[in-house]
Protein backbone atom coordinates (compact mmCIF):
# COMPACT_ATOMS: atom_id res chain seq x y z
CA UNK A 1 49.15 55.60 62.99
CA UNK A 2 49.46 57.28 66.37
CA UNK A 3 50.54 55.81 69.66
CA UNK A 4 47.66 55.21 72.09
CA UNK A 5 49.33 57.45 74.69
CA UNK A 6 49.04 60.43 72.34
CA UNK A 7 45.30 59.91 71.97
CA UNK A 8 44.70 59.44 75.71
CA UNK A 9 45.70 63.01 76.47
CA UNK A 10 43.45 64.53 73.83
CA UNK A 11 40.41 62.27 73.58
CA UNK A 12 38.19 64.43 75.78
CA UNK A 13 39.16 67.64 73.97
CA UNK A 14 38.50 66.05 70.57
CA UNK A 15 35.12 64.65 71.62
CA UNK A 16 33.95 67.88 73.24
CA UNK A 17 35.06 69.87 70.18
CA UNK A 18 33.05 67.72 67.76
CA UNK A 19 29.99 67.49 70.02
CA UNK A 20 30.00 71.26 70.62
CA UNK A 21 29.08 71.67 66.95
CA UNK A 22 26.27 69.11 66.93
CA UNK A 23 24.94 66.44 69.31
CA UNK A 24 25.67 62.94 67.98
CA UNK A 25 25.27 59.28 68.84
CA UNK A 26 28.28 56.98 69.17
CA UNK A 27 28.61 55.56 65.66
CA UNK A 28 27.91 58.96 64.10
CA UNK A 29 30.62 60.45 66.32
CA UNK A 30 33.15 57.79 65.26
CA UNK A 31 32.43 58.51 61.58
CA UNK A 32 32.68 62.28 62.09
CA UNK A 33 36.01 61.98 63.93
CA UNK A 34 37.35 59.83 61.11
CA UNK A 35 36.05 62.22 58.44
CA UNK A 36 37.36 65.38 60.11
CA UNK A 37 40.78 63.83 60.73
CA UNK A 38 41.16 62.56 57.16
CA UNK A 39 40.98 58.99 58.44
CA UNK A 40 43.69 59.46 61.07
CA UNK A 41 41.42 58.87 64.07
CA UNK A 42 39.47 55.62 64.07
CA UNK A 43 37.93 55.38 67.51
CA UNK A 44 37.03 51.94 68.79
CA UNK A 45 34.21 51.28 71.26
CA UNK A 46 36.76 50.52 73.98
CA UNK A 47 38.09 54.08 73.66
CA UNK A 48 34.94 55.99 72.76
CA UNK A 49 32.33 54.84 75.27
CA UNK A 50 34.48 54.99 78.42
CA UNK A 51 35.46 58.55 77.45
CA UNK A 52 31.83 59.54 76.77
CA UNK A 53 30.71 58.01 80.08
CA UNK A 54 33.52 59.80 81.95
CA UNK A 55 32.54 63.14 80.37
CA UNK A 56 28.90 62.48 81.23
CA UNK A 57 29.75 61.50 84.83
CA UNK A 58 31.79 64.72 85.17
CA UNK A 59 28.83 66.79 83.97
CA UNK A 60 30.49 67.88 80.73
CA UNK A 61 28.09 65.91 78.53
CA UNK A 62 24.48 64.94 78.82
CA UNK A 63 23.38 61.71 77.14
CA UNK A 64 19.76 61.31 76.07
CA UNK A 65 17.99 58.43 74.39
CA UNK A 66 16.07 59.47 71.29
CA UNK A 67 14.14 57.52 68.69
CA UNK A 68 15.35 57.94 65.11
CA UNK A 69 12.98 58.11 62.15
CA UNK A 70 13.78 54.43 61.57
CA UNK A 71 12.39 53.67 65.04
CA UNK A 72 15.81 52.76 66.40
CA UNK A 73 16.75 54.18 69.82
CA UNK A 74 20.07 56.02 69.93
CA UNK A 75 21.87 57.77 72.76
CA UNK A 76 22.79 61.29 71.69
CA UNK A 77 25.46 63.22 73.56
CA UNK A 78 25.11 66.97 74.15
CA UNK A 79 27.74 69.33 75.54
CA UNK A 80 26.52 70.95 78.78
CA UNK A 81 27.24 74.53 79.87
CA UNK A 82 29.90 73.11 82.18
CA UNK A 83 31.34 71.17 79.24
CA UNK A 84 31.40 74.29 77.09
CA UNK A 85 33.40 76.11 79.76
CA UNK A 86 35.75 73.16 80.18
CA UNK A 87 36.27 72.98 76.42
CA UNK A 88 37.38 76.61 76.30
CA UNK A 89 40.01 75.88 78.93
CA UNK A 90 41.12 72.67 77.21
CA UNK A 91 41.51 74.48 73.89
CA UNK A 92 43.63 77.21 75.49
CA UNK A 93 45.75 74.54 77.13
CA UNK A 94 46.10 72.74 73.78
CA UNK A 95 47.17 75.95 72.00
CA UNK A 96 49.84 76.64 74.62
CA UNK A 97 51.07 73.04 74.49
CA UNK A 98 51.16 73.05 70.67
CA UNK A 99 53.08 76.34 70.53
CA UNK A 100 55.67 75.09 73.02
CA UNK A 101 56.02 71.69 71.31
CA UNK A 102 56.41 73.34 67.90
CA UNK A 103 59.20 75.55 69.25
CA UNK A 104 61.09 72.38 70.07
CA UNK A 105 60.08 70.27 67.08
CA UNK A 106 60.73 73.02 64.53
CA UNK A 107 63.72 74.86 65.91
CA UNK A 108 64.81 78.05 64.23
CA UNK A 109 68.38 79.08 63.54
CA UNK A 110 70.68 78.91 66.57
């Protein structure tokens, strides 16, 4: 299991990455994150919805209520053009961070 501090720094990047592929509603998003991470990430409502609302408030996501075939209303989250641009920057930042961390965590011969 991961420490909560590790997730805090990457929650928005992870959510935007998954939602850039396909708009989803909350529970669907939780299941997809768990599936794609091999069960490593199990988002709870207290983590997921504040992050989604923050991304929506910042204009990176758009949330829309839609009625499912079952008649149930669900709020689907879509990545906006601004969110797409932000995601590109976040992914570049993540790649740089990962490269630098790996240089320290997996040192070569001295």
